[in-house]
Amino acid sequence: MPFFKIAHTYAERKQVRQFWENMRKQAEYISDEYNRSTENAFHKNFYDNINFEQEDFMKRPDFFEPIRRFQWVEM
């Protein structure tokens, strides 16, 4: 018995297109979930490792914005 069936009618072709469109959406969702978690972990680690020394505050010109500590916001 063959693994696939050749679609001959318009309804069968539409059903095949719909099936593969759903597979693409599911793969995109899985990929986005994986990338989001790894990117968030990388950025959280990056911002947690930033160290500001006291002398950096003293050398800063007055017209610069004040330095704020980073707060990680979960999305």
Protein backbone atom coordinates (compact mmCIF):
# COMPACT_ATOMS: atom_id res chain seq x y z
CA MET A 1 0.00 0.00 0.00
CA PRO A 2 1.53 3.38 -0.99
CA PHE A 3 2.28 6.05 1.61
CA PHE A 4 0.59 8.80 -0.39
CA LYS A 5 -2.48 9.14 -2.56
CA ILE A 6 -2.54 11.29 -5.68
CA ALA A 7 -5.24 13.95 -5.47
CA HIS A 8 -7.37 14.06 -8.61
CA THR A 9 -10.31 16.28 -7.74
CA TYR A 10 -10.37 19.89 -6.63
CA ALA A 11 -11.73 18.91 -3.20
CA GLU A 12 -8.87 16.45 -2.65
CA ARG A 13 -6.27 19.04 -3.69
CA LYS A 14 -7.86 21.59 -1.37
CA GLN A 15 -7.77 19.08 1.47
CA VAL A 16 -4.05 18.38 0.84
CA ARG A 17 -3.24 22.12 0.71
CA GLN A 18 -5.12 22.66 3.97
CA PHE A 19 -3.30 19.76 5.62
CA TRP A 20 0.15 21.11 4.69
CA GLU A 21 -0.83 24.65 5.66
CA ASN A 22 -1.77 23.34 9.13
CA MET A 23 1.55 21.46 9.31
CA ARG A 24 3.44 24.69 8.44
CA LYS A 25 1.56 26.62 11.13
CA GLN A 26 2.29 23.95 13.71
CA ALA A 27 5.99 23.89 12.79
CA GLU A 28 6.14 27.69 12.95
CA TYR A 29 4.53 27.65 16.41
CA ILE A 30 7.02 25.05 17.69
CA SER A 31 9.93 27.01 16.22
CA ASP A 32 8.72 30.30 17.74
CA GLU A 33 8.26 28.75 21.18
CA TYR A 34 11.76 27.26 21.11
CA ASN A 35 13.39 30.44 19.84
CA ARG A 36 11.54 32.66 22.30
CA SER A 37 12.66 30.64 25.30
CA THR A 38 16.32 30.46 24.18
CA GLU A 39 16.43 34.14 23.21
CA ASN A 40 14.87 35.21 26.51
CA ALA A 41 17.34 33.08 28.45
CA PHE A 42 20.26 34.57 26.51
CA HIS A 43 19.13 38.18 27.01
CA LYS A 44 18.35 37.64 30.69
CA ASN A 45 21.81 36.16 31.23
CA PHE A 46 23.40 39.02 29.27
CA TYR A 47 21.69 41.75 31.30
CA ASP A 48 22.30 39.96 34.58
CA ASN A 49 26.03 39.91 33.87
CA ILE A 50 26.36 43.65 33.22
CA ASN A 51 28.34 45.19 36.04
CA PHE A 52 28.45 48.93 36.62
CA GLU A 53 31.34 50.13 38.68
CA GLN A 54 31.13 53.19 40.88
CA GLU A 55 33.73 55.07 38.84
CA ASP A 56 31.52 54.74 35.76
CA PHE A 57 28.94 56.88 37.57
CA MET A 58 31.52 59.53 38.43
CA LYS A 59 32.87 59.91 34.87
CA ARG A 60 29.47 60.29 33.26
CA PRO A 61 28.69 63.72 31.80
CA ASP A 62 25.70 65.60 33.20
CA PHE A 63 23.78 65.64 29.92
CA PHE A 64 23.58 61.80 29.73
CA GLU A 65 20.50 60.01 30.92
CA PRO A 66 20.72 58.57 34.42
CA ILE A 67 21.71 54.92 34.56
CA ARG A 68 18.93 52.63 35.70
CA ARG A 69 19.38 49.05 36.75
CA PHE A 70 17.84 46.60 34.29
CA GLN A 71 14.72 44.79 35.34
CA TRP A 72 13.85 41.64 33.44
CA VAL A 73 10.20 41.45 32.42
CA GLU A 74 8.75 38.05 31.56
CA MET A 75 6.59 38.08 28.44
